Protein backbone atom coordinates (compact mmCIF):
# COMPACT_ATOMS: atom_id res chain seq x y z
CA LYS A 1 133.81 -55.57 -58.15
CA ASN A 2 130.44 -55.23 -56.37
CA GLY A 3 130.29 -51.58 -57.50
CA CYS A 4 133.45 -50.33 -56.16
CA CYS A 5 136.76 -49.47 -57.74
CA TYR A 6 139.76 -48.76 -56.15
CA HIS A 7 142.01 -46.16 -57.62
CA GLY A 8 144.73 -43.14 -56.40
CA LEU A 9 145.21 -39.76 -57.42
CA SER A 10 148.60 -38.36 -58.00
CA PHE A 11 148.63 -34.35 -58.32
CA ASN A 12 152.11 -33.43 -59.86
CA VAL A 13 152.94 -30.01 -59.52
CA ASN A 14 156.53 -29.56 -60.11
CA MET A 15 158.73 -32.59 -59.55
CA ASP A 16 161.00 -35.06 -61.30
CA LEU A 17 158.84 -37.33 -63.28
CA THR A 18 161.45 -40.14 -63.86
CA PRO A 19 159.90 -42.71 -61.93
CA PHE A 20 156.78 -42.68 -63.68
CA ALA A 21 158.90 -44.23 -66.67
CA ASN A 22 158.95 -47.31 -64.75
CA ILE A 23 155.30 -47.95 -64.17
CA ASN A 24 152.13 -48.01 -66.40
CA PRO A 25 150.02 -45.49 -64.84
CA CYS A 26 146.67 -46.29 -64.57
CA GLY A 27 147.39 -49.61 -65.80
CA TYR A 28 147.90 -48.31 -69.34
CA HIS A 29 151.36 -48.95 -71.05
CA GLY A 30 152.94 -45.85 -72.45
CA LEU A 31 150.57 -43.21 -70.75
CA ARG A 32 152.60 -40.06 -70.46
CA VAL A 33 152.44 -38.39 -66.99
CA THR A 34 152.63 -34.60 -66.84
CA GLN A 35 152.31 -31.68 -64.29
CA CYS A 36 151.02 -28.32 -63.70
CA ILE A 37 154.31 -26.67 -64.41
CA GLU A 38 154.53 -28.30 -67.93
CA LEU A 39 151.12 -27.11 -68.50
CA GLY A 40 151.82 -23.47 -67.85
CA ILE A 41 150.01 -23.62 -64.19
CA THR A 42 152.15 -21.70 -61.77
CA VAL A 43 149.66 -20.78 -59.00
CA PRO A 44 150.87 -21.16 -55.32
CA LEU A 45 150.52 -24.87 -53.80
CA GLU A 46 148.06 -23.72 -51.49
CA GLU A 47 145.78 -22.59 -54.39
CA LEU A 48 146.31 -25.51 -55.96
CA GLN A 49 145.31 -27.64 -52.99
CA ALA A 50 142.31 -25.65 -52.33
CA GLU A 51 140.81 -26.00 -56.02
CA LEU A 52 141.60 -29.98 -55.95
CA THR A 53 139.98 -30.22 -52.68
CA GLN A 54 136.85 -28.07 -53.68
CA ASN A 55 136.50 -30.27 -57.01
CA LEU A 56 136.96 -33.58 -55.65
CA VAL A 57 134.17 -32.91 -52.90
CA HIS A 58 132.02 -31.36 -55.72
CA GLY A 59 132.15 -34.33 -57.97
CA LEU A 60 131.80 -36.73 -55.01
CA GLN A 61 128.53 -34.76 -53.96
CA ARG A 62 127.06 -35.26 -57.32
CA HIS A 63 127.78 -38.72 -57.44
CA PRO A 64 126.72 -40.55 -53.79
CA THR A 65 127.58 -44.07 -53.88
CA ARG A 66 126.47 -46.54 -50.89
CA ARG A 67 128.98 -46.92 -48.26
CA HIS A 68 130.85 -50.26 -48.19
CA THR A 69 131.96 -52.39 -45.24
CA LEU A 70 134.88 -54.95 -45.12
CA SER A 71 132.38 -57.77 -45.51
CA ASP A 72 131.09 -56.29 -48.66
CA ASN A 73 134.86 -57.22 -50.03
CA THR A 74 134.53 -60.69 -49.15
CA PRO A 75 135.28 -63.04 -52.07
CA ASP A 76 132.23 -64.79 -53.78
């Protein structure tokens, strides 16, 4: 709404994914959740964190948005 979206990020490395069976990830029924270990990614957690951070910062810098204030989110 008003040029904003609210979304989260779950970066699963090596965990029990059973709880995800009880939700609709991203609002999509039946969407499968995976994790790094299942994709054969076995680098240390610190390296994954650094890579994710670098890619997020790079992506956000490429797509600047205007800053919003709480008053921007009031109902129309």
